[in-house]
């Protein structure tokens, strides 16, 4: 017998009331950007200062530091005359395991050490 057998299905998600407006993603993004622009006092949504404000306000910005980013100079097929070899690359690969979390290195070292001492 499965866990859900004999149980009522979950209720459907709430539907907007007649006076509520459904917003498409583009409208939601624009609404968010306008809100953040108001908070920052920056009126022009194309102002680079707004991008900096958004980056500084991002509660998830510290997560980036938990991953190793390949340096531009270590990537295959890169023309070294076009990049700073020491700069972090921009990671856009969607068909992979993703960036390696820094914690993975320590966990693997611990397990390899245990294996070596068996």
PDB file of N, CA and C in Angstrom:
ATOM      1  N   UNK A   1       0.848  -1.179   0.000  1.00  0.00           N
ATOM      2  CA  UNK A   1       0.000   0.000   0.000  1.00  0.00           C
ATOM      3  C   UNK A   1       0.893   1.242   0.000  1.00  0.00           C
ATOM      4  N   UNK A   2       0.650   2.167  -0.898  1.00  0.00           N
ATOM      5  CA  UNK A   2       1.497   3.361  -0.977  1.00  0.00           C
ATOM      6  C   UNK A   2       1.091   4.365   0.093  1.00  0.00           C
ATOM      7  N   UNK A   3       1.995   5.309   0.371  1.00  0.00           N
ATOM      8  CA  UNK A   3       1.750   6.329   1.396  1.00  0.00           C
ATOM      9  C   UNK A   3       0.542   7.195   1.077  1.00  0.00           C
ATOM     10  N   UNK A   4       0.260   7.387  -0.200  1.00  0.00           N
ATOM     11  CA  UNK A   4      -0.814   8.302  -0.593  1.00  0.00           C
ATOM     12  C   UNK A   4      -2.137   7.575  -0.840  1.00  0.00           C
ATOM     13  N   UNK A   5      -2.108   6.243  -0.823  1.00  0.00           N
ATOM     14  CA  UNK A   5      -3.320   5.486  -1.104  1.00  0.00           C
ATOM     15  C   UNK A   5      -4.345   5.718   0.002  1.00  0.00           C
ATOM     16  N   UNK A   6      -5.557   6.008  -0.387  1.00  0.00           N
ATOM     17  CA  UNK A   6      -6.614   6.239   0.570  1.00  0.00           C
ATOM     18  C   UNK A   6      -6.663   7.655   1.112  1.00  0.00           C
ATOM     19  N   UNK A   7      -5.699   8.490   0.716  1.00  0.00           N
ATOM     20  CA  UNK A   7      -5.683   9.878   1.178  1.00  0.00           C
ATOM     21  C   UNK A   7      -6.297  10.771   0.113  1.00  0.00           C
ATOM     22  N   UNK A   8      -6.906  11.862   0.582  1.00  0.00           N
ATOM     23  CA  UNK A   8      -7.475  12.830  -0.363  1.00  0.00           C
ATOM     24  C   UNK A   8      -6.343  13.547  -1.089  1.00  0.00           C
ATOM     25  N   UNK A   9      -6.553  13.905  -2.357  1.00  0.00           N
ATOM     26  CA  UNK A   9      -5.501  14.639  -3.076  1.00  0.00           C
ATOM     27  C   UNK A   9      -5.316  16.017  -2.447  1.00  0.00           C
ATOM     28  N   UNK A  10      -4.118  16.612  -2.610  1.00  0.00           N
ATOM     29  CA  UNK A  10      -3.884  17.935  -2.036  1.00  0.00           C
ATOM     30  C   UNK A  10      -4.802  18.959  -2.696  1.00  0.00           C
ATOM     31  N   UNK A  11      -5.152  20.009  -1.948  1.00  0.00           N
ATOM     32  CA  UNK A  11      -6.036  21.031  -2.531  1.00  0.00           C
ATOM     33  C   UNK A  11      -5.323  21.770  -3.667  1.00  0.00           C
ATOM     34  N   UNK A  12      -6.092  22.274  -4.628  1.00  0.00           N
ATOM     35  CA  UNK A  12      -5.465  23.020  -5.731  1.00  0.00           C
ATOM     36  C   UNK A  12      -4.885  24.331  -5.199  1.00  0.00           C
ATOM     37  N   UNK A  13      -3.895  24.899  -5.912  1.00  0.00           N
ATOM     38  CA  UNK A  13      -3.325  26.175  -5.466  1.00  0.00           C
ATOM     39  C   UNK A  13      -4.389  27.267  -5.502  1.00  0.00           C
ATOM     40  N   UNK A  14      -4.268  28.260  -4.623  1.00  0.00           N
ATOM     41  CA  UNK A  14      -5.275  29.325  -4.612  1.00  0.00           C
ATOM     42  C   UNK A  14      -5.296  30.082  -5.938  1.00  0.00           C
ATOM     43  N   UNK A  15      -6.470  30.415  -6.380  1.00  0.00           N
ATOM     44  CA  UNK A  15      -6.648  31.168  -7.614  1.00  0.00           C
ATOM     45  C   UNK A  15      -6.781  32.650  -7.278  1.00  0.00           C
ATOM     46  N   UNK A  16      -6.305  33.518  -8.146  1.00  0.00           N
ATOM     47  CA  UNK A  16      -6.427  34.948  -7.859  1.00  0.00           C
ATOM     48  C   UNK A  16      -7.893  35.383  -7.820  1.00  0.00           C
ATOM     49  N   UNK A  17      -8.185  36.301  -6.941  1.00  0.00           N
ATOM     50  CA  UNK A  17      -9.525  36.876  -6.861  1.00  0.00           C
ATOM     51  C   UNK A  17      -9.729  37.795  -8.061  1.00  0.00           C
ATOM     52  N   UNK A  18     -10.964  38.158  -8.319  1.00  0.00           N
ATOM     53  CA  UNK A  18     -11.270  39.010  -9.466  1.00  0.00           C
ATOM     54  C   UNK A  18     -10.490  40.315  -9.439  1.00  0.00           C
ATOM     55  N   UNK A  19     -10.255  40.850  -8.225  1.00  0.00           N
ATOM     56  CA  UNK A  19      -9.581  42.139  -8.138  1.00  0.00           C
ATOM     57  C   UNK A  19      -8.054  41.998  -8.153  1.00  0.00           C
ATOM     58  N   UNK A  20      -7.539  40.757  -8.073  1.00  0.00           N
ATOM     59  CA  UNK A  20      -6.102  40.540  -8.147  1.00  0.00           C
ATOM     60  C   UNK A  20      -5.700  40.382  -9.612  1.00  0.00           C
ATOM     61  N   UNK A  21      -4.514  40.857  -9.902  1.00  0.00           N
ATOM     62  CA  UNK A  21      -4.034  40.772 -11.282  1.00  0.00           C
ATOM     63  C   UNK A  21      -2.958  39.691 -11.374  1.00  0.00           C
ATOM     64  N   UNK A  22      -3.076  38.808 -12.355  1.00  0.00           N
ATOM     65  CA  UNK A  22      -2.019  37.846 -12.616  1.00  0.00           C
ATOM     66  C   UNK A  22      -0.926  38.552 -13.414  1.00  0.00           C
ATOM     67  N   UNK A  23       0.292  38.430 -12.946  1.00  0.00           N
ATOM     68  CA  UNK A  23       1.402  39.066 -13.633  1.00  0.00           C
ATOM     69  C   UNK A  23       2.260  38.012 -14.317  1.00  0.00           C
ATOM     70  N   UNK A  24       2.699  38.318 -15.503  1.00  0.00           N
ATOM     71  CA  UNK A  24       3.629  37.419 -16.166  1.00  0.00           C
ATOM     72  C   UNK A  24       5.018  37.660 -15.558  1.00  0.00           C
ATOM     73  N   UNK A  25       5.945  36.791 -15.842  1.00  0.00           N
ATOM     74  CA  UNK A  25       7.277  36.885 -15.273  1.00  0.00           C
ATOM     75  C   UNK A  25       7.925  38.223 -15.584  1.00  0.00           C
ATOM     76  N   UNK A  26       7.802  38.688 -16.803  1.00  0.00           N
ATOM     77  CA  UNK A  26       8.397  39.963 -17.190  1.00  0.00           C
ATOM     78  C   UNK A  26       7.863  41.100 -16.318  1.00  0.00           C
ATOM     79  N   UNK A  27       6.561  41.077 -16.061  1.00  0.00           N
ATOM     80  CA  UNK A  27       5.965  42.120 -15.217  1.00  0.00           C
ATOM     81  C   UNK A  27       6.461  42.008 -13.777  1.00  0.00           C
ATOM     82  N   UNK A  28       6.614  40.796 -13.287  1.00  0.00           N
ATOM     83  CA  UNK A  28       7.108  40.597 -11.926  1.00  0.00           C
ATOM     84  C   UNK A  28       8.535  41.117 -11.791  1.00  0.00           C
ATOM     85  N   UNK A  29       9.356  40.838 -12.786  1.00  0.00           N
ATOM     86  CA  UNK A  29      10.741  41.302 -12.760  1.00  0.00           C
ATOM     87  C   UNK A  29      10.784  42.823 -12.782  1.00  0.00           C
ATOM     88  N   UNK A  30      10.002  43.429 -13.645  1.00  0.00           N
ATOM     89  CA  UNK A  30       9.967  44.887 -13.727  1.00  0.00           C
ATOM     90  C   UNK A  30       9.466  45.487 -12.417  1.00  0.00           C
ATOM     91  N   UNK A  31       8.480  44.863 -11.816  1.00  0.00           N
ATOM     92  CA  UNK A  31       7.954  45.324 -10.529  1.00  0.00           C
ATOM     93  C   UNK A  31       9.049  45.261  -9.457  1.00  0.00           C
ATOM     94  N   UNK A  32       9.793  44.165  -9.434  1.00  0.00           N
ATOM     95  CA  UNK A  32      10.885  44.006  -8.475  1.00  0.00           C
ATOM     96  C   UNK A  32      11.973  45.056  -8.706  1.00  0.00           C
ATOM     97  N   UNK A  33      12.351  45.242  -9.969  1.00  0.00           N
ATOM     98  CA  UNK A  33      13.400  46.218 -10.269  1.00  0.00           C
ATOM     99  C   UNK A  33      12.982  47.633  -9.879  1.00  0.00           C
ATOM    100  N   UNK A  34      11.743  47.978 -10.135  1.00  0.00           N
ATOM    101  CA  UNK A  34      11.253  49.307  -9.751  1.00  0.00           C
ATOM    102  C   UNK A  34      11.261  49.467  -8.230  1.00  0.00           C
ATOM    103  N   UNK A  35      10.874  48.413  -7.510  1.00  0.00           N
ATOM    104  CA  UNK A  35      10.890  48.454  -6.050  1.00  0.00           C
ATOM    105  C   UNK A  35      12.313  48.668  -5.538  1.00  0.00           C
ATOM    106  N   UNK A  36      13.256  47.926  -6.085  1.00  0.00           N
ATOM    107  CA  UNK A  36      14.649  48.046  -5.652  1.00  0.00           C
ATOM    108  C   UNK A  36      15.234  49.404  -6.053  1.00  0.00           C
ATOM    109  N   UNK A  37      14.834  49.906  -7.213  1.00  0.00           N
ATOM    110  CA  UNK A  37      15.295  51.233  -7.635  1.00  0.00           C
ATOM    111  C   UNK A  37      14.792  52.296  -6.663  1.00  0.00           C
ATOM    112  N   UNK A  38      13.556  52.160  -6.237  1.00  0.00           N
ATOM    113  CA  UNK A  38      13.006  53.100  -5.255  1.00  0.00           C
ATOM    114  C   UNK A  38      13.786  53.032  -3.949  1.00  0.00           C
ATOM    115  N   UNK A  39      14.074  51.805  -3.491  1.00  0.00           N
ATOM    116  CA  UNK A  39      14.828  51.635  -2.245  1.00  0.00           C
ATOM    117  C   UNK A  39      16.219  52.241  -2.332  1.00  0.00           C
ATOM    118  N   UNK A  40      16.833  52.135  -3.505  1.00  0.00           N
ATOM    119  CA  UNK A  40      18.200  52.625  -3.667  1.00  0.00           C
ATOM    120  C   UNK A  40      18.264  54.104  -4.013  1.00  0.00           C
ATOM    121  N   UNK A  41      17.137  54.673  -4.418  1.00  0.00           N
ATOM    122  CA  UNK A  41      17.135  56.067  -4.847  1.00  0.00           C
ATOM    123  C   UNK A  41      17.650  56.253  -6.265  1.00  0.00           C
ATOM    124  N   UNK A  42      17.786  55.149  -6.992  1.00  0.00           N
ATOM    125  CA  UNK A  42      18.265  55.196  -8.383  1.00  0.00           C
ATOM    126  C   UNK A  42      17.051  55.098  -9.285  1.00  0.00           C
ATOM    127  N   UNK A  43      16.871  56.076 -10.135  1.00  0.00           N
ATOM    128  CA  UNK A  43      15.659  56.129 -10.969  1.00  0.00           C
ATOM    129  C   UNK A  43      15.805  55.388 -12.297  1.00  0.00           C
ATOM    130  N   UNK A  44      17.021  55.328 -12.821  1.00  0.00           N
ATOM    131  CA  UNK A  44      17.264  54.730 -14.138  1.00  0.00           C
ATOM    132  C   UNK A  44      17.571  53.243 -13.970  1.00  0.00           C
ATOM    133  N   UNK A  45      16.693  52.385 -14.501  1.00  0.00           N
ATOM    134  CA  UNK A  45      16.884  50.941 -14.365  1.00  0.00           C
ATOM    135  C   UNK A  45      18.099  50.426 -15.123  1.00  0.00           C
ATOM    136  N   UNK A  46      18.654  51.231 -16.027  1.00  0.00           N
ATOM    137  CA  UNK A  46      19.840  50.803 -16.774  1.00  0.00           C
ATOM    138  C   UNK A  46      21.124  51.314 -16.135  1.00  0.00           C
ATOM    139  N   UNK A  47      21.023  52.012 -15.016  1.00  0.00           N
ATOM    140  CA  UNK A  47      22.192  52.564 -14.330  1.00  0.00           C
ATOM    141  C   UNK A  47      23.001  51.418 -13.708  1.00  0.00           C
ATOM    142  N   UNK A  48      24.295  51.315 -14.001  1.00  0.00           N
ATOM    143  CA  UNK A  48      25.120  50.257 -13.400  1.00  0.00           C
ATOM    144  C   UNK A  48      25.107  50.301 -11.864  1.00  0.00           C
ATOM    145  N   UNK A  49      24.840  51.460 -11.300  1.00  0.00           N
ATOM    146  CA  UNK A  49      24.771  51.563  -9.840  1.00  0.00           C
ATOM    147  C   UNK A  49      23.626  50.726  -9.286  1.00  0.00           C
ATOM    148  N   UNK A  50      22.556  50.572 -10.052  1.00  0.00           N
ATOM    149  CA  UNK A  50      21.444  49.724  -9.610  1.00  0.00           C
ATOM    150  C   UNK A  50      21.889  48.264  -9.580  1.00  0.00           C
ATOM    151  N   UNK A  51      22.652  47.838 -10.580  1.00  0.00           N
ATOM    152  CA  UNK A  51      23.170  46.470 -10.600  1.00  0.00           C
ATOM    153  C   UNK A  51      24.065  46.232  -9.384  1.00  0.00           C
ATOM    154  N   UNK A  52      24.890  47.208  -9.048  1.00  0.00           N
ATOM    155  CA  UNK A  52      25.751  47.084  -7.868  1.00  0.00           C
ATOM    156  C   UNK A  52      24.907  47.011  -6.599  1.00  0.00           C
ATOM    157  N   UNK A  53      23.862  47.841  -6.512  1.00  0.00           N
ATOM    158  CA  UNK A  53      22.968  47.823  -5.353  1.00  0.00           C
ATOM    159  C   UNK A  53      22.289  46.462  -5.231  1.00  0.00           C
ATOM    160  N   UNK A  54      21.825  45.913  -6.346  1.00  0.00           N
ATOM    161  CA  UNK A  54      21.175  44.601  -6.335  1.00  0.00           C
ATOM    162  C   UNK A  54      22.149  43.522  -5.862  1.00  0.00           C
ATOM    163  N   UNK A  55      23.385  43.587  -6.339  1.00  0.00           N
ATOM    164  CA  UNK A  55      24.389  42.603  -5.932  1.00  0.00           C
ATOM    165  C   UNK A  55      24.677  42.694  -4.443  1.00  0.00           C
ATOM    166  N   UNK A  56      24.818  43.908  -3.936  1.00  0.00           N
ATOM    167  CA  UNK A  56      25.095  44.097  -2.517  1.00  0.00           C
ATOM    168  C   UNK A  56      23.907  43.696  -1.646  1.00  0.00           C
ATOM    169  N   UNK A  57      22.700  43.830  -2.169  1.00  0.00           N
ATOM    170  CA  UNK A  57      21.478  43.512  -1.414  1.00  0.00           C
ATOM    171  C   UNK A  57      21.117  42.037  -1.474  1.00  0.00           C
ATOM    172  N   UNK A  58      21.787  41.287  -2.313  1.00  0.00           N
ATOM    173  CA  UNK A  58      21.434  39.883  -2.529  1.00  0.00           C
ATOM    174  C   UNK A  58      21.796  39.042  -1.312  1.00  0.00           C
ATOM    175  N   UNK A  59      20.799  38.462  -0.676  1.00  0.00           N
ATOM    176  CA  UNK A  59      21.040  37.661   0.527  1.00  0.00           C
ATOM    177  C   UNK A  59      21.765  36.349   0.216  1.00  0.00           C
ATOM    178  N   UNK A  60      21.825  35.956  -1.051  1.00  0.00           N
ATOM    179  CA  UNK A  60      22.483  34.706  -1.431  1.00  0.00           C
ATOM    180  C   UNK A  60      23.892  34.912  -1.995  1.00  0.00           C
ATOM    181  N   UNK A  61      24.381  36.164  -1.969  1.00  0.00           N
ATOM    182  CA  UNK A  61      25.658  36.441  -2.628  1.00  0.00           C
ATOM    183  C   UNK A  61      26.826  35.651  -2.042  1.00  0.00           C
ATOM    184  N   UNK A  62      26.768  35.293  -0.763  1.00  0.00           N
ATOM    185  CA  UNK A  62      27.855  34.547  -0.146  1.00  0.00           C
ATOM    186  C   UNK A  62      27.970  33.119  -0.629  1.00  0.00           C
ATOM    187  N   UNK A  63      26.926  32.597  -1.221  1.00  0.00           N
ATOM    188  CA  UNK A  63      26.949  31.209  -1.691  1.00  0.00           C
ATOM    189  C   UNK A  63      27.984  31.022  -2.800  1.00  0.00           C
ATOM    190  N   UNK A  64      28.218  32.054  -3.567  1.00  0.00           N
ATOM    191  CA  UNK A  64      29.202  31.976  -4.654  1.00  0.00           C
ATOM    192  C   UNK A  64      30.574  31.555  -4.129  1.00  0.00           C
ATOM    193  N   UNK A  65      30.901  32.008  -2.925  1.00  0.00           N
ATOM    194  CA  UNK A  65      32.210  31.711  -2.349  1.00  0.00           C
ATOM    195  C   UNK A  65      32.364  30.259  -1.927  1.00  0.00           C
ATOM    196  N   UNK A  66      31.308  29.483  -1.965  1.00  0.00           N
ATOM    197  CA  UNK A  66      31.366  28.079  -1.569  1.00  0.00           C
ATOM    198  C   UNK A  66      31.794  27.164  -2.710  1.00  0.00           C
ATOM    199  N   UNK A  67      32.027  27.726  -3.902  1.00  0.00           N
ATOM    200  CA  UNK A  67      32.351  26.931  -5.079  1.00  0.00           C
ATOM    201  C   UNK A  67      33.673  27.358  -5.694  1.00  0.00           C
ATOM    202  N   UNK A  68      34.325  26.389  -6.332  1.00  0.00           N
ATOM    203  CA  UNK A  68      35.529  26.686  -7.113  1.00  0.00           C
ATOM    204  C   UNK A  68      35.099  27.136  -8.506  1.00  0.00           C
ATOM    205  N   UNK A  69      35.622  28.263  -8.947  1.00  0.00           N
ATOM    206  CA  UNK A  69      35.376  28.740 -10.310  1.00  0.00           C
ATOM    207  C   UNK A  69      36.663  28.581 -11.104  1.00  0.00           C
ATOM    208  N   UNK A  70      36.589  27.928 -12.258  1.00  0.00           N
ATOM    209  CA  UNK A  70      37.808  27.785 -13.058  1.00  0.00           C
ATOM    210  C   UNK A  70      38.322  29.153 -13.500  1.00  0.00           C
ATOM    211  N   UNK A  71      39.617  29.292 -13.501  1.00  0.00           N
ATOM    212  CA  UNK A  71      40.227  30.525 -13.988  1.00  0.00           C
ATOM    213  C   UNK A  71      40.184  30.512 -15.518  1.00  0.00           C
ATOM    214  N   UNK A  72      40.035  31.680 -16.096  1.00  0.00           N
ATOM    215  CA  UNK A  72      39.914  31.785 -17.558  1.00  0.00           C
ATOM    216  C   UNK A  72      41.108  31.155 -18.268  1.00  0.00           C
ATOM    217  N   UNK A  73      42.286  31.261 -17.671  1.00  0.00           N
ATOM    218  CA  UNK A  73      43.489  30.720 -18.297  1.00  0.00           C
ATOM    219  C   UNK A  73      43.583  29.211 -18.265  1.00  0.00           C
ATOM    220  N   UNK A  74      42.741  28.537 -17.473  1.00  0.00           N
ATOM    221  CA  UNK A  74      42.801  27.076 -17.391  1.00  0.00           C
ATOM    222  C   UNK A  74      41.805  26.398 -18.321  1.00  0.00           C
ATOM    223  N   UNK A  75      40.965  27.173 -18.967  1.00  0.00           N
ATOM    224  CA  UNK A  75      39.938  26.593 -19.834  1.00  0.00           C
ATOM    225  C   UNK A  75      40.534  26.192 -21.182  1.00  0.00           C
ATOM    226  N   UNK A  76      40.059  25.075 -21.743  1.00  0.00           N
ATOM    227  CA  UNK A  76      40.559  24.660 -23.061  1.00  0.00           C
ATOM    228  C   UNK A  76      40.038  25.602 -24.151  1.00  0.00           C
ATOM    229  N   UNK A  77      40.797  25.725 -25.182  1.00  0.00           N
ATOM    230  CA  UNK A  77      40.410  26.487 -26.376  1.00  0.00           C
ATOM    231  C   UNK A  77      40.166  27.965 -26.080  1.00  0.00           C
ATOM    232  N   UNK A  78      40.938  28.541 -25.175  1.00  0.00           N
ATOM    233  CA  UNK A  78      40.802  29.963 -24.847  1.00  0.00           C
ATOM    234  C   UNK A  78      42.016  30.695 -25.389  1.00  0.00           C
ATOM    235  N   UNK A  79      41.766  31.767 -26.091  1.00  0.00           N
ATOM    236  CA  UNK A  79      42.846  32.594 -26.614  1.00  0.00           C
ATOM    237  C   UNK A  79      43.357  33.473 -25.468  1.00  0.00           C
ATOM    238  N   UNK A  80      44.567  33.223 -24.963  1.00  0.00           N
ATOM    239  CA  UNK A  80      45.071  33.970 -23.811  1.00  0.00           C
ATOM    240  C   UNK A  80      45.219  35.468 -24.068  1.00  0.00           C
ATOM    241  N   UNK A  81      45.247  35.866 -25.327  1.00  0.00           N
ATOM    242  CA  UNK A  81      45.348  37.299 -25.617  1.00  0.00           C
ATOM    243  C   UNK A  81      44.017  38.013 -25.404  1.00  0.00           C
ATOM    244  N   UNK A  82      42.937  37.243 -25.241  1.00  0.00           N
ATOM    245  CA  UNK A  82      41.614  37.842 -25.097  1.00  0.00           C
ATOM    246  C   UNK A  82      41.077  37.827 -23.662  1.00  0.00           C
ATOM    247  N   UNK A  83      41.786  37.144 -22.752  1.00  0.00           N
ATOM    248  CA  UNK A  83      41.282  37.022 -21.381  1.00  0.00           C
ATOM    249  C   UNK A  83      42.381  37.322 -20.374  1.00  0.00           C
ATOM    250  N   UNK A  84      41.956  37.649 -19.169  1.00  0.00           N
ATOM    251  CA  UNK A  84      42.875  37.709 -18.034  1.00  0.00           C
ATOM    252  C   UNK A  84      42.929  36.290 -17.494  1.00  0.00           C
ATOM    253  N   UNK A  85      44.062  35.614 -17.611  1.00  0.00           N
ATOM    254  CA  UNK A  85      44.117  34.202 -17.233  1.00  0.00           C
ATOM    255  C   UNK A  85      43.826  33.944 -15.755  1.00  0.00           C
ATOM    256  N   UNK A  86      43.942  34.970 -14.914  1.00  0.00           N
ATOM    257  CA  UNK A  86      43.700  34.797 -13.476  1.00  0.00           C
ATOM    258  C   UNK A  86      42.271  35.130 -13.053  1.00  0.00           C
ATOM    259  N   UNK A  87      41.455  35.636 -13.978  1.00  0.00           N
ATOM    260  CA  UNK A  87      40.083  36.000 -13.608  1.00  0.00           C
ATOM    261  C   UNK A  87      39.194  34.755 -13.586  1.00  0.00           C
ATOM    262  N   UNK A  88      38.190  34.783 -12.702  1.00  0.00           N
ATOM    263  CA  UNK A  88      37.226  33.684 -12.672  1.00  0.00           C
ATOM    264  C   UNK A  88      36.470  33.649 -13.988  1.00  0.00           C
ATOM    265  N   UNK A  89      36.230  32.443 -14.471  1.00  0.00           N
ATOM    266  CA  UNK A  89      35.446  32.329 -15.692  1.00  0.00           C
ATOM    267  C   UNK A  89      33.963  32.500 -15.358  1.00  0.00           C
ATOM    268  N   UNK A  90      33.188  32.797 -16.357  1.00  0.00           N
ATOM    269  CA  UNK A  90      31.737  32.856 -16.204  1.00  0.00           C
ATOM    270  C   UNK A  90      31.227  31.470 -16.535  1.00  0.00           C
ATOM    271  N   UNK A  91      30.574  30.852 -15.582  1.00  0.00           N
ATOM    272  CA  UNK A  91      30.182  29.451 -15.720  1.00  0.00           C
ATOM    273  C   UNK A  91      28.785  29.347 -16.311  1.00  0.00           C
ATOM    274  N   UNK A  92      28.684  28.823 -17.526  1.00  0.00           N
ATOM    275  CA  UNK A  92      27.401  28.697 -18.211  1.00  0.00           C
ATOM    276  C   UNK A  92      27.097  27.265 -18.651  1.00  0.00           C
ATOM    277  N   UNK A  93      27.883  26.314 -18.207  1.00  0.00           N
ATOM    278  CA  UNK A  93      27.711  24.937 -18.663  1.00  0.00           C
ATOM    279  C   UNK A  93      26.530  24.287 -17.946  1.00  0.00           C
ATOM    280  N   UNK A  94      25.492  23.964 -18.681  1.00  0.00           N
ATOM    281  CA  UNK A  94      24.322  23.345 -18.084  1.00  0.00           C
ATOM    282  C   UNK A  94      24.320  21.834 -18.201  1.00  0.00           C
ATOM    283  N   UNK A  95      25.287  21.264 -18.899  1.00  0.00           N
ATOM    284  CA  UNK A  95      25.316  19.828 -19.122  1.00  0.00           C
ATOM    285  C   UNK A  95      26.525  19.241 -18.392  1.00  0.00           C
ATOM    286  N   UNK A  96      26.510  19.379 -17.066  1.00  0.00           N
ATOM    287  CA  UNK A  96      27.642  18.895 -16.287  1.00  0.00           C
ATOM    288  C   UNK A  96      27.204  18.679 -14.850  1.00  0.00           C
ATOM    289  N   UNK A  97      28.146  18.328 -14.005  1.00  0.00           N
ATOM    290  CA  UNK A  97      27.863  18.194 -12.579  1.00  0.00           C
ATOM    291  C   UNK A  97      27.767  19.560 -11.917  1.00  0.00           C
ATOM    292  N   UNK A  98      28.140  20.580 -12.619  1.00  0.00           N
ATOM    293  CA  UNK A  98      28.140  21.917 -12.028  1.00  0.00           C
ATOM    294  C   UNK A  98      29.499  22.247 -11.444  1.00  0.00           C
ATOM    295  N   UNK A  99      29.566  23.393 -10.807  1.00  0.00           N
ATOM    296  CA  UNK A  99      30.803  23.799 -10.164  1.00  0.00           C
ATOM    297  C   UNK A  99      31.056  22.928  -8.940  1.00  0.00           C
ATOM    298  N   UNK A 100      32.333  22.680  -8.662  1.00  0.00           N
ATOM    299  CA  UNK A 100      32.661  21.850  -7.519  1.00  0.00           C
ATOM    300  C   UNK A 100      32.552  22.665  -6.228  1.00  0.00           C
ATOM    301  N   UNK A 101      31.717  22.202  -5.293  1.00  0.00           N
ATOM    302  CA  UNK A 101      31.685  22.878  -3.993  1.00  0.00           C
ATOM    303  C   UNK A 101      33.041  22.735  -3.300  1.00  0.00           C
ATOM    304  N   UNK A 102      33.504  23.778  -2.653  1.00  0.00           N
ATOM    305  CA  UNK A 102      34.794  23.738  -1.977  1.00  0.00           C
ATOM    306  C   UNK A 102      34.818  22.670  -0.882  1.00  0.00           C
ATOM    307  N   UNK A 103      33.682  22.421  -0.244  1.00  0.00           N
ATOM    308  CA  UNK A 103      33.617  21.410   0.814  1.00  0.00           C
ATOM    309  C   UNK A 103      33.897  20.008   0.276  1.00  0.00           C
ATOM    310  N   UNK A 104      33.631  19.779  -0.991  1.00  0.00           N
ATOM    311  CA  UNK A 104      33.840  18.460  -1.599  1.00  0.00           C
ATOM    312  C   UNK A 104      35.309  18.052  -1.524  1.00  0.00           C
ATOM    313  N   UNK A 105      36.184  18.996  -1.734  1.00  0.00           N
ATOM    314  CA  UNK A 105      37.617  18.709  -1.716  1.00  0.00           C
ATOM    315  C   UNK A 105      38.036  18.140  -0.351  1.00  0.00           C
ATOM    316  N   UNK A 106      37.571  18.763   0.719  1.00  0.00           N
ATOM    317  CA  UNK A 106      37.917  18.306   2.070  1.00  0.00           C
ATOM    318  C   UNK A 106      37.314  16.932   2.364  1.00  0.00           C
ATOM    319  N   UNK A 107      36.060  16.726   1.970  1.00  0.00           N
ATOM    320  CA  UNK A 107      35.410  15.433   2.205  1.00  0.00           C
ATOM    321  C   UNK A 107      36.142  14.323   1.454  1.00  0.00           C
ATOM    322  N   UNK A 108      36.513  14.578   0.216  1.00  0.00           N
ATOM    323  CA  UNK A 108      37.241  13.568  -0.560  1.00  0.00           C
ATOM    324  C   UNK A 108      38.599  13.272   0.059  1.00  0.00           C
ATOM    325  N   UNK A 109      39.298  14.303   0.503  1.00  0.00           N
ATOM    326  CA  UNK A 109      40.602  14.093   1.140  1.00  0.00           C
ATOM    327  C   UNK A 109      40.454  13.217   2.383  1.00  0.00           C
ATOM    328  N   UNK A 110      39.420  13.466   3.183  1.00  0.00           N
ATOM    329  CA  UNK A 110      39.194  12.657   4.379  1.00  0.00           C
ATOM    330  C   UNK A 110      38.982  11.196   4.015  1.00  0.00           C
ATOM    331  N   UNK A 111      38.150  10.957   2.989  1.00  0.00           N
ATOM    332  CA  UNK A 111      37.869   9.574   2.589  1.00  0.00           C
ATOM    333  C   UNK A 111      39.092   8.912   1.958  1.00  0.00           C
ATOM    334  N   UNK A 112      39.854   9.661   1.183  1.00  0.00           N
ATOM    335  CA  UNK A 112      41.072   9.090   0.599  1.00  0.00           C
ATOM    336  C   UNK A 112      42.094   8.765   1.680  1.00  0.00           C
ATOM    337  N   UNK A 113      42.184   9.612   2.703  1.00  0.00           N
ATOM    338  CA  UNK A 113      43.087   9.334   3.822  1.00  0.00           C
ATOM    339  C   UNK A 113      42.658   8.071   4.568  1.00  0.00           C
ATOM    340  N   UNK A 114      41.352   7.922   4.816  1.00  0.00           N
ATOM    341  CA  UNK A 114      40.837   6.722   5.475  1.00  0.00           C
ATOM    342  C   UNK A 114      41.161   5.487   4.647  1.00  0.00           C
ATOM    343  N   UNK A 115      40.962   5.592   3.331  1.00  0.00           N
ATOM    344  CA  UNK A 115      41.211   4.461   2.427  1.00  0.00           C
ATOM    345  C   UNK A 115      42.682   4.087   2.461  1.00  0.00           C
ATOM    346  N   UNK A 116      43.547   5.087   2.458  1.00  0.00           N
ATOM    347  CA  UNK A 116      44.995   4.829   2.451  1.00  0.00           C
ATOM    348  C   UNK A 116      45.437   4.125   3.728  1.00  0.00           C
ATOM    349  N   UNK A 117      44.726   4.343   4.822  1.00  0.00           N
ATOM    350  CA  UNK A 117      45.124   3.770   6.126  1.00  0.00           C
ATOM    351  C   UNK A 117      44.436   2.445   6.431  1.00  0.00           C
ATOM    352  N   UNK A 118      43.624   1.933   5.498  1.00  0.00           N
ATOM    353  CA  UNK A 118      42.926   0.655   5.736  1.00  0.00           C
ATOM    354  C   UNK A 118      43.877  -0.501   5.607  1.00  0.00           C
TER     355      UNK A 118
END
